[in-house]
């Protein structure tokens, strides 16, 4: 890592994991709420106004929100791995034992 940069690949269609998307949504909401004359120059001015007011605190909040969502995804994934996958493995082993016992019965009857 020559520049000490870590590239993070985000899952497709998961904009909730991208703080830039959260900022973009906030910008669009700000313009939508404050645009009264519906002129392109007003949209540009409102966007510039929003960006000028978007400080480090707002950025930190967007990143914190994204991390919260990421942790919720991890917790859900952990739950699936611990509970549901172990249950499905139990069912699979039960099915295999049933098939084996049926095969054993057929072979003994022959």
Protein backbone atom coordinates (compact mmCIF):
# COMPACT_ATOMS: atom_id res chain seq x y z
CA UNK A 1 0.00 0.00 0.00
CA UNK A 2 2.07 2.85 -1.31
CA UNK A 3 -0.43 5.58 -0.40
CA UNK A 4 -1.96 3.94 2.67
CA UNK A 5 -5.36 3.69 0.98
CA UNK A 6 -7.76 0.81 1.46
CA UNK A 7 -10.20 0.17 -1.38
CA UNK A 8 -13.59 -0.96 -0.16
CA UNK A 9 -15.89 -2.72 -2.60
CA UNK A 10 -19.53 -2.09 -1.78
CA UNK A 11 -22.23 -4.62 -2.61
CA UNK A 12 -24.39 -3.75 -5.59
CA UNK A 13 -27.78 -2.19 -4.77
CA UNK A 14 -26.82 -1.49 -1.14
CA UNK A 15 -26.64 2.30 -1.14
CA UNK A 16 -27.29 2.28 2.62
CA UNK A 17 -23.66 1.14 3.03
CA UNK A 18 -22.29 4.17 1.18
CA UNK A 19 -22.03 7.45 3.13
CA UNK A 20 -21.70 9.38 -0.14
CA UNK A 21 -25.17 8.17 -1.14
CA UNK A 22 -26.50 9.40 2.20
CA UNK A 23 -24.96 12.82 1.55
CA UNK A 24 -26.38 12.84 -1.98
CA UNK A 25 -29.85 12.08 -0.62
CA UNK A 26 -29.54 14.89 1.92
CA UNK A 27 -28.54 17.31 -0.86
CA UNK A 28 -31.54 16.33 -2.99
CA UNK A 29 -33.88 16.71 0.00
CA UNK A 30 -32.45 20.14 0.80
CA UNK A 31 -32.92 21.34 -2.78
CA UNK A 32 -36.42 19.85 -2.95
CA UNK A 33 -37.51 21.60 0.26
CA UNK A 34 -36.00 24.99 -0.56
CA UNK A 35 -36.58 25.24 -4.30
CA UNK A 36 -39.52 27.61 -4.71
CA UNK A 37 -39.00 29.10 -8.17
CA UNK A 38 -37.88 25.91 -9.99
CA UNK A 39 -35.11 27.58 -11.97
CA UNK A 40 -31.87 25.81 -12.76
CA UNK A 41 -29.82 28.67 -11.33
CA UNK A 42 -31.70 28.32 -8.04
CA UNK A 43 -30.96 24.59 -7.97
CA UNK A 44 -27.26 25.28 -8.54
CA UNK A 45 -27.23 27.97 -5.82
CA UNK A 46 -29.07 25.73 -3.35
CA UNK A 47 -26.66 22.86 -4.04
CA UNK A 48 -23.67 25.15 -3.48
CA UNK A 49 -25.28 26.43 -0.27
CA UNK A 50 -25.82 22.89 1.00
CA UNK A 51 -22.27 21.81 0.16
CA UNK A 52 -20.80 24.88 1.87
CA UNK A 53 -22.74 24.04 5.01
CA UNK A 54 -21.87 20.33 4.96
CA UNK A 55 -19.17 20.28 7.62
CA UNK A 56 -17.12 17.61 9.33
CA UNK A 57 -19.87 16.96 11.86
CA UNK A 58 -22.37 16.12 9.11
CA UNK A 59 -19.81 13.86 7.44
CA UNK A 60 -19.08 12.10 10.72
CA UNK A 61 -22.81 11.51 11.25
CA UNK A 62 -23.16 10.00 7.76
CA UNK A 63 -20.22 7.67 8.36
CA UNK A 64 -21.50 6.69 11.82
CA UNK A 65 -24.94 5.92 10.37
CA UNK A 66 -23.35 3.78 7.64
CA UNK A 67 -21.30 1.86 10.21
CA UNK A 68 -24.44 1.27 12.27
CA UNK A 69 -26.18 -0.25 9.23
CA UNK A 70 -23.07 -2.32 8.47
CA UNK A 71 -23.07 -3.69 12.03
CA UNK A 72 -26.77 -4.56 11.71
CA UNK A 73 -25.97 -6.52 8.53
CA UNK A 74 -23.12 -8.32 10.31
CA UNK A 75 -25.33 -9.18 13.29
CA UNK A 76 -28.00 -10.55 10.96
CA UNK A 77 -25.41 -12.58 9.06
CA UNK A 78 -23.99 -13.94 12.31
CA UNK A 79 -27.50 -14.91 13.44
CA UNK A 80 -28.13 -16.75 10.17
CA UNK A 81 -24.84 -18.59 10.44
CA UNK A 82 -25.38 -19.58 14.07
CA UNK A 83 -29.06 -20.51 14.03
CA UNK A 84 -30.47 -21.19 10.60
CA UNK A 85 -27.49 -22.82 8.93
CA UNK A 86 -26.92 -25.18 11.85
CA UNK A 87 -30.63 -26.14 11.73
CA UNK A 88 -30.45 -26.83 7.99
CA UNK A 89 -27.35 -28.96 8.53
CA UNK A 90 -29.28 -30.98 11.13
CA UNK A 91 -32.08 -31.54 8.62
CA UNK A 92 -29.58 -32.55 5.95
CA UNK A 93 -27.93 -35.09 8.25
CA UNK A 94 -31.39 -36.46 9.21
CA UNK A 95 -32.26 -36.85 5.52
CA UNK A 96 -28.97 -38.62 4.84
CA UNK A 97 -29.51 -41.04 7.71
CA UNK A 98 -33.06 -41.76 6.49
CA UNK A 99 -31.78 -42.47 2.99
CA UNK A 100 -29.03 -44.72 4.36
CA UNK A 101 -31.46 -46.72 6.52
CA UNK A 102 -33.86 -47.11 3.57
CA UNK A 103 -31.00 -48.31 1.37
CA UNK A 104 -29.93 -50.75 4.08
CA UNK A 105 -33.47 -52.13 4.30
CA UNK A 106 -33.69 -52.58 0.52
CA UNK A 107 -30.32 -54.34 0.39
CA UNK A 108 -31.24 -56.70 3.23
CA UNK A 109 -34.56 -57.63 1.55
CA UNK A 110 -32.86 -58.53 -1.72
